[in-house]
Amino acid sequence: MENTYEDEYRSLPNPKGPKHHAARACREKLDVIKNATYLCQRTEALLELKGSLEKAYQKLQENLDVEDGLLSGQEQCEKNAKKAVETTAVENLRELKLIW
């Protein structure tokens, strides 16, 4: 059985803990899904995915930390998002086997 990038990534030490690892894995999977939607030709599959994503988003919304109607840590989230975009683009292309 061949090791995937995800297996190799999991084996690396993660000083930021399991929450950080889980959040990053989610962002990476969402990016792969986004890229795959450009290739999918079946409308039914895309509509099913849309429904699944809406349910997942609703579940996530229920678990966000909110203070006085504002997300706590919003500034840090935006900073992390920018960094994540810069560092995962090549990794996502590798997962889709578009580059080596």
C-alpha atoms as a PDB file:
ATOM      1  CA  MET A   1       0.000   0.000   0.000  1.00  0.00           C
ATOM      2  CA  GLU A   2       1.379   3.361  -1.045  1.00  0.00           C
ATOM      3  CA  ASN A   3       1.788   6.161   1.512  1.00  0.00           C
ATOM      4  CA  THR A   4      -0.151   9.254   0.595  1.00  0.00           C
ATOM      5  CA  TYR A   5       0.878  12.824   1.243  1.00  0.00           C
ATOM      6  CA  GLU A   6      -1.760  12.941   3.979  1.00  0.00           C
ATOM      7  CA  ASP A   7      -0.159   9.940   5.747  1.00  0.00           C
ATOM      8  CA  GLU A   8       3.256  11.572   5.555  1.00  0.00           C
ATOM      9  CA  TYR A   9       1.838  14.874   6.838  1.00  0.00           C
ATOM     10  CA  ARG A  10       0.197  13.158   9.809  1.00  0.00           C
ATOM     11  CA  SER A  11       3.487  11.572  10.795  1.00  0.00           C
ATOM     12  CA  LEU A  12       5.159  14.975  11.205  1.00  0.00           C
ATOM     13  CA  PRO A  13       5.280  16.413  14.720  1.00  0.00           C
ATOM     14  CA  ASN A  14       2.664  19.099  15.225  1.00  0.00           C
ATOM     15  CA  PRO A  15       3.535  21.476  18.079  1.00  0.00           C
ATOM     16  CA  LYS A  16       0.254  23.360  17.654  1.00  0.00           C
ATOM     17  CA  GLY A  17      -1.892  20.398  18.656  1.00  0.00           C
ATOM     18  CA  PRO A  18      -4.754  18.367  17.222  1.00  0.00           C
ATOM     19  CA  LYS A  19      -7.132  21.318  16.687  1.00  0.00           C
ATOM     20  CA  HIS A  20      -4.633  23.025  14.403  1.00  0.00           C
ATOM     21  CA  HIS A  21      -4.003  19.778  12.507  1.00  0.00           C
ATOM     22  CA  ALA A  22      -7.717  19.040  12.087  1.00  0.00           C
ATOM     23  CA  ALA A  23      -8.465  22.594  10.911  1.00  0.00           C
ATOM     24  CA  ARG A  24      -5.652  22.508   8.359  1.00  0.00           C
ATOM     25  CA  ALA A  25      -6.728  19.085   7.091  1.00  0.00           C
ATOM     26  CA  CYS A  26     -10.273  20.447   6.623  1.00  0.00           C
ATOM     27  CA  ARG A  27      -9.031  23.482   4.691  1.00  0.00           C
ATOM     28  CA  GLU A  28      -6.872  21.315   2.453  1.00  0.00           C
ATOM     29  CA  LYS A  29      -9.719  18.880   1.736  1.00  0.00           C
ATOM     30  CA  LEU A  30     -12.055  21.771   0.921  1.00  0.00           C
ATOM     31  CA  ASP A  31      -9.496  23.147  -1.515  1.00  0.00           C
ATOM     32  CA  VAL A  32      -9.212  19.769  -3.251  1.00  0.00           C
ATOM     33  CA  ILE A  33     -13.020  19.541  -3.448  1.00  0.00           C
ATOM     34  CA  LYS A  34     -13.192  23.061  -4.907  1.00  0.00           C
ATOM     35  CA  ASN A  35     -10.681  22.157  -7.598  1.00  0.00           C
ATOM     36  CA  ALA A  36     -12.550  18.916  -8.381  1.00  0.00           C
ATOM     37  CA  THR A  37     -15.793  20.840  -8.988  1.00  0.00           C
ATOM     38  CA  TYR A  38     -14.210  22.318 -12.108  1.00  0.00           C
ATOM     39  CA  LEU A  39     -13.688  18.802 -13.469  1.00  0.00           C
ATOM     40  CA  CYS A  40     -17.019  17.227 -12.474  1.00  0.00           C
ATOM     41  CA  GLN A  41     -19.490  16.880 -15.354  1.00  0.00           C
ATOM     42  CA  ARG A  42     -22.472  15.443 -13.419  1.00  0.00           C
ATOM     43  CA  THR A  43     -24.989  18.042 -12.258  1.00  0.00           C
ATOM     44  CA  GLU A  44     -26.552  15.572  -9.797  1.00  0.00           C
ATOM     45  CA  ALA A  45     -23.203  15.016  -8.095  1.00  0.00           C
ATOM     46  CA  LEU A  46     -22.595  18.755  -7.783  1.00  0.00           C
ATOM     47  CA  LEU A  47     -26.070  19.332  -6.326  1.00  0.00           C
ATOM     48  CA  GLU A  48     -25.507  16.520  -3.814  1.00  0.00           C
ATOM     49  CA  LEU A  49     -22.157  18.046  -2.867  1.00  0.00           C
ATOM     50  CA  LYS A  50     -23.806  21.449  -2.433  1.00  0.00           C
ATOM     51  CA  GLY A  51     -26.331  19.953  -0.008  1.00  0.00           C
ATOM     52  CA  SER A  52     -23.597  18.188   1.949  1.00  0.00           C
ATOM     53  CA  LEU A  53     -21.553  21.374   2.163  1.00  0.00           C
ATOM     54  CA  GLU A  54     -24.552  23.362   3.373  1.00  0.00           C
ATOM     55  CA  LYS A  55     -25.120  20.820   6.170  1.00  0.00           C
ATOM     56  CA  ALA A  56     -21.437  20.866   7.092  1.00  0.00           C
ATOM     57  CA  TYR A  57     -21.427  24.678   7.144  1.00  0.00           C
ATOM     58  CA  GLN A  58     -24.485  24.764   9.399  1.00  0.00           C
ATOM     59  CA  LYS A  59     -22.816  22.301  11.793  1.00  0.00           C
ATOM     60  CA  LEU A  60     -19.644  24.397  11.829  1.00  0.00           C
ATOM     61  CA  GLN A  61     -21.614  27.593  12.473  1.00  0.00           C
ATOM     62  CA  GLU A  62     -23.054  25.960  15.604  1.00  0.00           C
ATOM     63  CA  ASN A  63     -19.526  25.471  16.944  1.00  0.00           C
ATOM     64  CA  LEU A  64     -18.012  28.904  16.315  1.00  0.00           C
ATOM     65  CA  ASP A  65     -16.984  31.067  19.245  1.00  0.00           C
ATOM     66  CA  VAL A  66     -19.058  34.242  19.080  1.00  0.00           C
ATOM     67  CA  GLU A  67     -18.770  37.241  21.401  1.00  0.00           C
ATOM     68  CA  ASP A  68     -21.319  40.061  21.092  1.00  0.00           C
ATOM     69  CA  GLY A  69     -22.244  38.926  17.584  1.00  0.00           C
ATOM     70  CA  LEU A  70     -18.626  38.926  16.382  1.00  0.00           C
ATOM     71  CA  LEU A  71     -16.361  35.953  15.833  1.00  0.00           C
ATOM     72  CA  SER A  72     -13.595  35.828  18.410  1.00  0.00           C
ATOM     73  CA  GLY A  73     -10.100  35.729  16.902  1.00  0.00           C
ATOM     74  CA  GLN A  74     -11.267  37.070  13.521  1.00  0.00           C
ATOM     75  CA  GLU A  75      -8.041  39.005  12.891  1.00  0.00           C
ATOM     76  CA  GLN A  76      -5.905  35.912  13.503  1.00  0.00           C
ATOM     77  CA  CYS A  77      -8.184  33.824  11.259  1.00  0.00           C
ATOM     78  CA  GLU A  78      -7.695  36.230   8.367  1.00  0.00           C
ATOM     79  CA  LYS A  79      -3.918  36.193   8.842  1.00  0.00           C
ATOM     80  CA  ASN A  80      -3.867  32.394   8.986  1.00  0.00           C
ATOM     81  CA  ALA A  81      -6.079  32.125   5.898  1.00  0.00           C
ATOM     82  CA  LYS A  82      -3.679  34.221   3.818  1.00  0.00           C
ATOM     83  CA  LYS A  83      -0.718  32.122   4.921  1.00  0.00           C
ATOM     84  CA  ALA A  84      -2.594  28.861   4.260  1.00  0.00           C
ATOM     85  CA  VAL A  85      -3.420  29.892   0.695  1.00  0.00           C
ATOM     86  CA  GLU A  86       0.223  30.599  -0.004  1.00  0.00           C
ATOM     87  CA  THR A  87       1.519  27.325   1.452  1.00  0.00           C
ATOM     88  CA  THR A  88      -1.062  24.771   0.279  1.00  0.00           C
ATOM     89  CA  ALA A  89      -1.496  25.561  -3.415  1.00  0.00           C
ATOM     90  CA  VAL A  90       1.368  23.321  -4.526  1.00  0.00           C
ATOM     91  CA  GLU A  91       0.334  20.570  -2.094  1.00  0.00           C
ATOM     92  CA  ASN A  92      -3.180  20.508  -3.568  1.00  0.00           C
ATOM     93  CA  LEU A  93      -1.865  20.225  -7.101  1.00  0.00           C
ATOM     94  CA  ARG A  94       0.264  17.292  -5.977  1.00  0.00           C
ATOM     95  CA  GLU A  95      -2.772  15.582  -4.443  1.00  0.00           C
ATOM     96  CA  LEU A  96      -4.642  15.951  -7.740  1.00  0.00           C
ATOM     97  CA  LYS A  97      -1.498  14.526  -9.379  1.00  0.00           C
ATOM     98  CA  LEU A  98      -1.155  17.568 -11.633  1.00  0.00           C
ATOM     99  CA  ILE A  99       2.471  18.079 -10.538  1.00  0.00           C
ATOM    100  CA  TRP A 100       5.049  15.827  -8.885  1.00  0.00           C
END
